[in-house]
Amino acid sequence: TAGTVLIMWIGEQITAKGVGNGISL
């Protein structure tokens, strides 16, 4: 559960501060 929540946070951070859709990347 902690790992999935961390991945979800990583994806949202990529989408907000990076380039592209974080979940897709």
mmCIF file of all heavy atoms, coordinates in Angstrom:
data_MODEL
# 
_entry.id   MODEL 
# 
loop_
_atom_site.group_PDB 
_atom_site.id 
_atom_site.type_symbol 
_atom_site.label_atom_id 
_atom_site.label_alt_id 
_atom_site.label_comp_id 
_atom_site.label_asym_id 
_atom_site.label_entity_id 
_atom_site.label_seq_id 
_atom_site.pdbx_PDB_ins_code 
_atom_site.Cartn_x 
_atom_site.Cartn_y 
_atom_site.Cartn_z 
_atom_site.occupancy 
_atom_site.B_iso_or_equiv 
_atom_site.pdbx_formal_charge 
_atom_site.auth_seq_id 
_atom_site.auth_comp_id 
_atom_site.auth_asym_id 
_atom_site.auth_atom_id 
_atom_site.pdbx_PDB_model_num 
ATOM 1   N N   . THR A 1 1  ? 0.833  -1.210 0.000   1.00 0.00 ? 1  THR A N   1 
ATOM 2   C CA  . THR A 1 1  ? 0.000  0.000  0.000   1.00 0.00 ? 1  THR A CA  1 
ATOM 3   C C   . THR A 1 1  ? 0.863  1.252  0.000   1.00 0.00 ? 1  THR A C   1 
ATOM 4   O O   . THR A 1 1  ? 0.604  2.202  -0.765  1.00 0.00 ? 1  THR A O   1 
ATOM 5   C CB  . THR A 1 1  ? -0.926 0.006  1.231   1.00 0.00 ? 1  THR A CB  1 
ATOM 6   O OG1 . THR A 1 1  ? -1.732 -1.171 1.230   1.00 0.00 ? 1  THR A OG1 1 
ATOM 7   C CG2 . THR A 1 1  ? -1.818 1.234  1.218   1.00 0.00 ? 1  THR A CG2 1 
ATOM 8   N N   . ALA A 1 2  ? 1.902  1.270  0.845   1.00 0.00 ? 2  ALA A N   1 
ATOM 9   C CA  . ALA A 1 2  ? 2.805  2.427  0.871   1.00 0.00 ? 2  ALA A CA  1 
ATOM 10  C C   . ALA A 1 2  ? 3.512  2.591  -0.471  1.00 0.00 ? 2  ALA A C   1 
ATOM 11  O O   . ALA A 1 2  ? 3.689  3.716  -0.960  1.00 0.00 ? 2  ALA A O   1 
ATOM 12  C CB  . ALA A 1 2  ? 3.833  2.254  1.992   1.00 0.00 ? 2  ALA A CB  1 
ATOM 13  N N   . GLY A 1 3  ? 3.905  1.476  -1.083  1.00 0.00 ? 3  GLY A N   1 
ATOM 14  C CA  . GLY A 1 3  ? 4.579  1.553  -2.385  1.00 0.00 ? 3  GLY A CA  1 
ATOM 15  C C   . GLY A 1 3  ? 3.677  2.105  -3.472  1.00 0.00 ? 3  GLY A C   1 
ATOM 16  O O   . GLY A 1 3  ? 4.093  2.951  -4.274  1.00 0.00 ? 3  GLY A O   1 
ATOM 17  N N   . THR A 1 4  ? 2.417  1.661  -3.503  1.00 0.00 ? 4  THR A N   1 
ATOM 18  C CA  . THR A 1 4  ? 1.478  2.163  -4.519  1.00 0.00 ? 4  THR A CA  1 
ATOM 19  C C   . THR A 1 4  ? 1.181  3.640  -4.319  1.00 0.00 ? 4  THR A C   1 
ATOM 20  O O   . THR A 1 4  ? 1.115  4.413  -5.288  1.00 0.00 ? 4  THR A O   1 
ATOM 21  C CB  . THR A 1 4  ? 0.171  1.350  -4.469  1.00 0.00 ? 4  THR A CB  1 
ATOM 22  O OG1 . THR A 1 4  ? 0.455  -0.020 -4.757  1.00 0.00 ? 4  THR A OG1 1 
ATOM 23  C CG2 . THR A 1 4  ? -0.828 1.880  -5.493  1.00 0.00 ? 4  THR A CG2 1 
ATOM 24  N N   . VAL A 1 5  ? 1.001  4.060  -3.055  1.00 0.00 ? 5  VAL A N   1 
ATOM 25  C CA  . VAL A 1 5  ? 0.758  5.484  -2.773  1.00 0.00 ? 5  VAL A CA  1 
ATOM 26  C C   . VAL A 1 5  ? 1.964  6.315  -3.184  1.00 0.00 ? 5  VAL A C   1 
ATOM 27  O O   . VAL A 1 5  ? 1.828  7.418  -3.736  1.00 0.00 ? 5  VAL A O   1 
ATOM 28  C CB  . VAL A 1 5  ? 0.438  5.685  -1.277  1.00 0.00 ? 5  VAL A CB  1 
ATOM 29  C CG1 . VAL A 1 5  ? 0.395  7.167  -0.926  1.00 0.00 ? 5  VAL A CG1 1 
ATOM 30  C CG2 . VAL A 1 5  ? -0.887 5.028  -0.922  1.00 0.00 ? 5  VAL A CG2 1 
ATOM 31  N N   . LEU A 1 6  ? 3.170  5.789  -2.952  1.00 0.00 ? 6  LEU A N   1 
ATOM 32  C CA  . LEU A 1 6  ? 4.384  6.511  -3.356  1.00 0.00 ? 6  LEU A CA  1 
ATOM 33  C C   . LEU A 1 6  ? 4.473  6.623  -4.876  1.00 0.00 ? 6  LEU A C   1 
ATOM 34  O O   . LEU A 1 6  ? 4.834  7.688  -5.401  1.00 0.00 ? 6  LEU A O   1 
ATOM 35  C CB  . LEU A 1 6  ? 5.612  5.792  -2.801  1.00 0.00 ? 6  LEU A CB  1 
ATOM 36  C CG  . LEU A 1 6  ? 6.975  6.458  -3.062  1.00 0.00 ? 6  LEU A CG  1 
ATOM 37  C CD1 . LEU A 1 6  ? 6.982  7.891  -2.536  1.00 0.00 ? 6  LEU A CD1 1 
ATOM 38  C CD2 . LEU A 1 6  ? 8.100  5.648  -2.436  1.00 0.00 ? 6  LEU A CD2 1 
ATOM 39  N N   . ILE A 1 7  ? 4.126  5.555  -5.591  1.00 0.00 ? 7  ILE A N   1 
ATOM 40  C CA  . ILE A 1 7  ? 4.121  5.616  -7.061  1.00 0.00 ? 7  ILE A CA  1 
ATOM 41  C C   . ILE A 1 7  ? 3.094  6.635  -7.540  1.00 0.00 ? 7  ILE A C   1 
ATOM 42  O O   . ILE A 1 7  ? 3.345  7.403  -8.482  1.00 0.00 ? 7  ILE A O   1 
ATOM 43  C CB  . ILE A 1 7  ? 3.812  4.228  -7.659  1.00 0.00 ? 7  ILE A CB  1 
ATOM 44  C CG1 . ILE A 1 7  ? 4.950  3.257  -7.374  1.00 0.00 ? 7  ILE A CG1 1 
ATOM 45  C CG2 . ILE A 1 7  ? 3.605  4.329  -9.169  1.00 0.00 ? 7  ILE A CG2 1 
ATOM 46  C CD1 . ILE A 1 7  ? 4.684  1.855  -7.889  1.00 0.00 ? 7  ILE A CD1 1 
ATOM 47  N N   . MET A 1 8  ? 1.921  6.646  -6.912  1.00 0.00 ? 8  MET A N   1 
ATOM 48  C CA  . MET A 1 8  ? 0.878  7.608  -7.280  1.00 0.00 ? 8  MET A CA  1 
ATOM 49  C C   . MET A 1 8  ? 1.390  9.038  -7.086  1.00 0.00 ? 8  MET A C   1 
ATOM 50  O O   . MET A 1 8  ? 1.154  9.909  -7.931  1.00 0.00 ? 8  MET A O   1 
ATOM 51  C CB  . MET A 1 8  ? -0.359 7.350  -6.420  1.00 0.00 ? 8  MET A CB  1 
ATOM 52  C CG  . MET A 1 8  ? -1.573 8.181  -6.758  1.00 0.00 ? 8  MET A CG  1 
ATOM 53  S SD  . MET A 1 8  ? -3.065 7.562  -5.913  1.00 0.00 ? 8  MET A SD  1 
ATOM 54  C CE  . MET A 1 8  ? -2.541 7.631  -4.204  1.00 0.00 ? 8  MET A CE  1 
ATOM 55  N N   . TRP A 1 9  ? 2.106  9.282  -5.986  1.00 0.00 ? 9  TRP A N   1 
ATOM 56  C CA  . TRP A 1 9  ? 2.681  10.601 -5.733  1.00 0.00 ? 9  TRP A CA  1 
ATOM 57  C C   . TRP A 1 9  ? 3.740  10.937 -6.773  1.00 0.00 ? 9  TRP A C   1 
ATOM 58  O O   . TRP A 1 9  ? 3.795  12.082 -7.266  1.00 0.00 ? 9  TRP A O   1 
ATOM 59  C CB  . TRP A 1 9  ? 3.291  10.629 -4.330  1.00 0.00 ? 9  TRP A CB  1 
ATOM 60  C CG  . TRP A 1 9  ? 3.948  11.940 -3.989  1.00 0.00 ? 9  TRP A CG  1 
ATOM 61  C CD1 . TRP A 1 9  ? 3.344  13.072 -3.525  1.00 0.00 ? 9  TRP A CD1 1 
ATOM 62  C CD2 . TRP A 1 9  ? 5.354  12.245 -4.108  1.00 0.00 ? 9  TRP A CD2 1 
ATOM 63  N NE1 . TRP A 1 9  ? 4.277  14.068 -3.346  1.00 0.00 ? 9  TRP A NE1 1 
ATOM 64  C CE2 . TRP A 1 9  ? 5.516  13.591 -3.689  1.00 0.00 ? 9  TRP A CE2 1 
ATOM 65  C CE3 . TRP A 1 9  ? 6.471  11.523 -4.514  1.00 0.00 ? 9  TRP A CE3 1 
ATOM 66  C CZ2 . TRP A 1 9  ? 6.759  14.221 -3.685  1.00 0.00 ? 9  TRP A CZ2 1 
ATOM 67  C CZ3 . TRP A 1 9  ? 7.704  12.145 -4.511  1.00 0.00 ? 9  TRP A CZ3 1 
ATOM 68  C CH2 . TRP A 1 9  ? 7.841  13.475 -4.090  1.00 0.00 ? 9  TRP A CH2 1 
ATOM 69  N N   . ILE A 1 10 ? 4.578  9.962  -7.116  1.00 0.00 ? 10 ILE A N   1 
ATOM 70  C CA  . ILE A 1 10 ? 5.611  10.191 -8.141  1.00 0.00 ? 10 ILE A CA  1 
ATOM 71  C C   . ILE A 1 10 ? 4.963  10.574 -9.465  1.00 0.00 ? 10 ILE A C   1 
ATOM 72  O O   . ILE A 1 10 ? 5.400  11.515 -10.146 1.00 0.00 ? 10 ILE A O   1 
ATOM 73  C CB  . ILE A 1 10 ? 6.490  8.928  -8.309  1.00 0.00 ? 10 ILE A CB  1 
ATOM 74  C CG1 . ILE A 1 10 ? 7.359  8.706  -7.070  1.00 0.00 ? 10 ILE A CG1 1 
ATOM 75  C CG2 . ILE A 1 10 ? 7.376  9.048  -9.549  1.00 0.00 ? 10 ILE A CG2 1 
ATOM 76  C CD1 . ILE A 1 10 ? 8.129  7.394  -7.092  1.00 0.00 ? 10 ILE A CD1 1 
ATOM 77  N N   . GLY A 1 11 ? 3.908  9.859  -9.842  1.00 0.00 ? 11 GLY A N   1 
ATOM 78  C CA  . GLY A 1 11 ? 3.224  10.177 -11.092 1.00 0.00 ? 11 GLY A CA  1 
ATOM 79  C C   . GLY A 1 11 ? 2.627  11.573 -11.092 1.00 0.00 ? 11 GLY A C   1 
ATOM 80  O O   . GLY A 1 11 ? 2.733  12.303 -12.093 1.00 0.00 ? 11 GLY A O   1 
ATOM 81  N N   . GLU A 1 12 ? 2.025  11.975 -9.984  1.00 0.00 ? 12 GLU A N   1 
ATOM 82  C CA  . GLU A 1 12 ? 1.450  13.315 -9.900  1.00 0.00 ? 12 GLU A CA  1 
ATOM 83  C C   . GLU A 1 12 ? 2.529  14.389 -9.930  1.00 0.00 ? 12 GLU A C   1 
ATOM 84  O O   . GLU A 1 12 ? 2.331  15.461 -10.526 1.00 0.00 ? 12 GLU A O   1 
ATOM 85  C CB  . GLU A 1 12 ? 0.608  13.434 -8.633  1.00 0.00 ? 12 GLU A CB  1 
ATOM 86  C CG  . GLU A 1 12 ? -0.648 12.584 -8.652  1.00 0.00 ? 12 GLU A CG  1 
ATOM 87  C CD  . GLU A 1 12 ? -1.431 12.666 -7.356  1.00 0.00 ? 12 GLU A CD  1 
ATOM 88  O OE1 . GLU A 1 12 ? -0.914 13.293 -6.408  1.00 0.00 ? 12 GLU A OE1 1 
ATOM 89  O OE2 . GLU A 1 12 ? -2.547 12.118 -7.292  1.00 0.00 ? 12 GLU A OE2 1 
ATOM 90  N N   . GLN A 1 13 ? 3.681  14.124 -9.314  1.00 0.00 ? 13 GLN A N   1 
ATOM 91  C CA  . GLN A 1 13 ? 4.777  15.085 -9.329  1.00 0.00 ? 13 GLN A CA  1 
ATOM 92  C C   . GLN A 1 13 ? 5.360  15.242 -10.729 1.00 0.00 ? 13 GLN A C   1 
ATOM 93  O O   . GLN A 1 13 ? 5.711  16.353 -11.154 1.00 0.00 ? 13 GLN A O   1 
ATOM 94  C CB  . GLN A 1 13 ? 5.876  14.650 -8.351  1.00 0.00 ? 13 GLN A CB  1 
ATOM 95  C CG  . GLN A 1 13 ? 5.478  14.713 -6.889  1.00 0.00 ? 13 GLN A CG  1 
ATOM 96  C CD  . GLN A 1 13 ? 5.072  16.112 -6.466  1.00 0.00 ? 13 GLN A CD  1 
ATOM 97  O OE1 . GLN A 1 13 ? 5.800  17.085 -6.682  1.00 0.00 ? 13 GLN A OE1 1 
ATOM 98  N NE2 . GLN A 1 13 ? 3.892  16.229 -5.869  1.00 0.00 ? 13 GLN A NE2 1 
ATOM 99  N N   . ILE A 1 14 ? 5.473  14.140 -11.466 1.00 0.00 ? 14 ILE A N   1 
ATOM 100 C CA  . ILE A 1 14 ? 5.968  14.218 -12.841 1.00 0.00 ? 14 ILE A CA  1 
ATOM 101 C C   . ILE A 1 14 ? 5.011  15.037 -13.696 1.00 0.00 ? 14 ILE A C   1 
ATOM 102 O O   . ILE A 1 14 ? 5.423  15.887 -14.495 1.00 0.00 ? 14 ILE A O   1 
ATOM 103 C CB  . ILE A 1 14 ? 6.154  12.806 -13.424 1.00 0.00 ? 14 ILE A CB  1 
ATOM 104 C CG1 . ILE A 1 14 ? 7.306  12.078 -12.723 1.00 0.00 ? 14 ILE A CG1 1 
ATOM 105 C CG2 . ILE A 1 14 ? 6.439  12.877 -14.924 1.00 0.00 ? 14 ILE A CG2 1 
ATOM 106 C CD1 . ILE A 1 14 ? 7.476  10.639 -13.157 1.00 0.00 ? 14 ILE A CD1 1 
ATOM 107 N N   . THR A 1 15 ? 3.708  14.790 -13.533 1.00 0.00 ? 15 THR A N   1 
ATOM 108 C CA  . THR A 1 15 ? 2.718  15.533 -14.312 1.00 0.00 ? 15 THR A CA  1 
ATOM 109 C C   . THR A 1 15 ? 2.753  17.019 -13.984 1.00 0.00 ? 15 THR A C   1 
ATOM 110 O O   . THR A 1 15 ? 2.646  17.867 -14.879 1.00 0.00 ? 15 THR A O   1 
ATOM 111 C CB  . THR A 1 15 ? 1.311  14.977 -14.043 1.00 0.00 ? 15 THR A CB  1 
ATOM 112 O OG1 . THR A 1 15 ? 1.278  13.578 -14.348 1.00 0.00 ? 15 THR A OG1 1 
ATOM 113 C CG2 . THR A 1 15 ? 0.276  15.695 -14.893 1.00 0.00 ? 15 THR A CG2 1 
ATOM 114 N N   . ALA A 1 16 ? 2.919  17.361 -12.695 1.00 0.00 ? 16 ALA A N   1 
ATOM 115 C CA  . ALA A 1 16 ? 2.875  18.765 -12.262 1.00 0.00 ? 16 ALA A CA  1 
ATOM 116 C C   . ALA A 1 16 ? 4.184  19.500 -12.536 1.00 0.00 ? 16 ALA A C   1 
ATOM 117 O O   . ALA A 1 16 ? 4.163  20.650 -12.986 1.00 0.00 ? 16 ALA A O   1 
ATOM 118 C CB  . ALA A 1 16 ? 2.533  18.837 -10.773 1.00 0.00 ? 16 ALA A CB  1 
ATOM 119 N N   . LYS A 1 17 ? 5.326  18.867 -12.287 1.00 0.00 ? 17 LYS A N   1 
ATOM 120 C CA  . LYS A 1 17 ? 6.612  19.562 -12.368 1.00 0.00 ? 17 LYS A CA  1 
ATOM 121 C C   . LYS A 1 17 ? 7.518  19.078 -13.497 1.00 0.00 ? 17 LYS A C   1 
ATOM 122 O O   . LYS A 1 17 ? 8.536  19.710 -13.766 1.00 0.00 ? 17 LYS A O   1 
ATOM 123 C CB  . LYS A 1 17 ? 7.362  19.414 -11.041 1.00 0.00 ? 17 LYS A CB  1 
ATOM 124 C CG  . LYS A 1 17 ? 6.610  19.971 -9.844  1.00 0.00 ? 17 LYS A CG  1 
ATOM 125 C CD  . LYS A 1 17 ? 7.398  19.789 -8.563  1.00 0.00 ? 17 LYS A CD  1 
ATOM 126 C CE  . LYS A 1 17 ? 6.643  20.314 -7.354  1.00 0.00 ? 17 LYS A CE  1 
ATOM 127 N NZ  . LYS A 1 17 ? 7.406  20.128 -6.086  1.00 0.00 ? 17 LYS A NZ  1 
ATOM 128 N N   . GLY A 1 18 ? 7.161  17.970 -14.114 1.00 0.00 ? 18 GLY A N   1 
ATOM 129 C CA  . GLY A 1 18 ? 7.991  17.428 -15.178 1.00 0.00 ? 18 GLY A CA  1 
ATOM 130 C C   . GLY A 1 18 ? 7.364  17.615 -16.550 1.00 0.00 ? 18 GLY A C   1 
ATOM 131 O O   . GLY A 1 18 ? 6.610  18.557 -16.791 1.00 0.00 ? 18 GLY A O   1 
ATOM 132 N N   . VAL A 1 19 ? 7.680  16.678 -17.454 1.00 0.00 ? 19 VAL A N   1 
ATOM 133 C CA  . VAL A 1 19 ? 7.162  16.713 -18.817 1.00 0.00 ? 19 VAL A CA  1 
ATOM 134 C C   . VAL A 1 19 ? 6.399  15.425 -19.063 1.00 0.00 ? 19 VAL A C   1 
ATOM 135 O O   . VAL A 1 19 ? 6.908  14.328 -18.796 1.00 0.00 ? 19 VAL A O   1 
ATOM 136 C CB  . VAL A 1 19 ? 8.305  16.838 -19.846 1.00 0.00 ? 19 VAL A CB  1 
ATOM 137 C CG1 . VAL A 1 19 ? 7.748  16.857 -21.263 1.00 0.00 ? 19 VAL A CG1 1 
ATOM 138 C CG2 . VAL A 1 19 ? 9.119  18.099 -19.579 1.00 0.00 ? 19 VAL A CG2 1 
ATOM 139 N N   . GLY A 1 20 ? 5.179  15.524 -19.575 1.00 0.00 ? 20 GLY A N   1 
ATOM 140 C CA  . GLY A 1 20 ? 4.387  14.354 -19.895 1.00 0.00 ? 20 GLY A CA  1 
ATOM 141 C C   . GLY A 1 20 ? 3.477  13.941 -18.756 1.00 0.00 ? 20 GLY A C   1 
ATOM 142 O O   . GLY A 1 20 ? 3.479  14.525 -17.671 1.00 0.00 ? 20 GLY A O   1 
ATOM 143 N N   . ASN A 1 21 ? 2.697  12.900 -19.028 1.00 0.00 ? 21 ASN A N   1 
ATOM 144 C CA  . ASN A 1 21 ? 1.792  12.342 -18.034 1.00 0.00 ? 21 ASN A CA  1 
ATOM 145 C C   . ASN A 1 21 ? 2.565  11.353 -17.166 1.00 0.00 ? 21 ASN A C   1 
ATOM 146 O O   . ASN A 1 21 ? 3.119  10.374 -17.660 1.00 0.00 ? 21 ASN A O   1 
ATOM 147 C CB  . ASN A 1 21 ? 0.614  11.639 -18.725 1.00 0.00 ? 21 ASN A CB  1 
ATOM 148 C CG  . ASN A 1 21 ? -0.397 11.086 -17.745 1.00 0.00 ? 21 ASN A CG  1 
ATOM 149 O OD1 . ASN A 1 21 ? -0.195 10.026 -17.174 1.00 0.00 ? 21 ASN A OD1 1 
ATOM 150 N ND2 . ASN A 1 21 ? -1.490 11.800 -17.563 1.00 0.00 ? 21 ASN A ND2 1 
ATOM 151 N N   . GLY A 1 22 ? 2.613  11.615 -15.848 1.00 0.00 ? 22 GLY A N   1 
ATOM 152 C CA  . GLY A 1 22 ? 3.435  10.816 -14.951 1.00 0.00 ? 22 GLY A CA  1 
ATOM 153 C C   . GLY A 1 22 ? 3.035  9.358  -14.896 1.00 0.00 ? 22 GLY A C   1 
ATOM 154 O O   . GLY A 1 22 ? 3.891  8.458  -14.920 1.00 0.00 ? 22 GLY A O   1 
ATOM 155 N N   . ILE A 1 23 ? 1.722  9.068  -14.845 1.00 0.00 ? 23 ILE A N   1 
ATOM 156 C CA  . ILE A 1 23 ? 1.250  7.689  -14.766 1.00 0.00 ? 23 ILE A CA  1 
ATOM 157 C C   . ILE A 1 23 ? 1.656  6.920  -16.017 1.00 0.00 ? 23 ILE A C   1 
ATOM 158 O O   . ILE A 1 23 ? 2.149  5.787  -15.943 1.00 0.00 ? 23 ILE A O   1 
ATOM 159 C CB  . ILE A 1 23 ? -0.279 7.650  -14.587 1.00 0.00 ? 23 ILE A CB  1 
ATOM 160 C CG1 . ILE A 1 23 ? -0.699 8.462  -13.351 1.00 0.00 ? 23 ILE A CG1 1 
ATOM 161 C CG2 . ILE A 1 23 ? -0.762 6.227  -14.499 1.00 0.00 ? 23 ILE A CG2 1 
ATOM 162 C CD1 . ILE A 1 23 ? -0.097 7.978  -12.061 1.00 0.00 ? 23 ILE A CD1 1 
ATOM 163 N N   . SER A 1 24 ? 1.478  7.536  -17.183 1.00 0.00 ? 24 SER A N   1 
ATOM 164 C CA  . SER A 1 24 ? 1.843  6.878  -18.438 1.00 0.00 ? 24 SER A CA  1 
ATOM 165 C C   . SER A 1 24 ? 3.346  6.643  -18.524 1.00 0.00 ? 24 SER A C   1 
ATOM 166 O O   . SER A 1 24 ? 3.790  5.586  -18.995 1.00 0.00 ? 24 SER A O   1 
ATOM 167 C CB  . SER A 1 24 ? 1.375  7.727  -19.627 1.00 0.00 ? 24 SER A CB  1 
ATOM 168 O OG  . SER A 1 24 ? -0.017 7.915  -19.616 1.00 0.00 ? 24 SER A OG  1 
ATOM 169 N N   . LEU A 1 25 ? 4.138  7.604  -18.075 1.00 0.00 ? 25 LEU A N   1 
ATOM 170 C CA  . LEU A 1 25 ? 5.595  7.452  -18.132 1.00 0.00 ? 25 LEU A CA  1 
ATOM 171 C C   . LEU A 1 25 ? 6.086  6.350  -17.197 1.00 0.00 ? 25 LEU A C   1 
ATOM 172 O O   . LEU A 1 25 ? 7.078  5.664  -17.500 1.00 0.00 ? 25 LEU A O   1 
ATOM 173 C CB  . LEU A 1 25 ? 6.271  8.777  -17.787 1.00 0.00 ? 25 LEU A CB  1 
ATOM 174 C CG  . LEU A 1 25 ? 6.223  9.850  -18.874 1.00 0.00 ? 25 LEU A CG  1 
ATOM 175 C CD1 . LEU A 1 25 ? 6.774  11.168 -18.353 1.00 0.00 ? 25 LEU A CD1 1 
ATOM 176 C CD2 . LEU A 1 25 ? 7.006  9.411  -20.105 1.00 0.00 ? 25 LEU A CD2 1 
# 
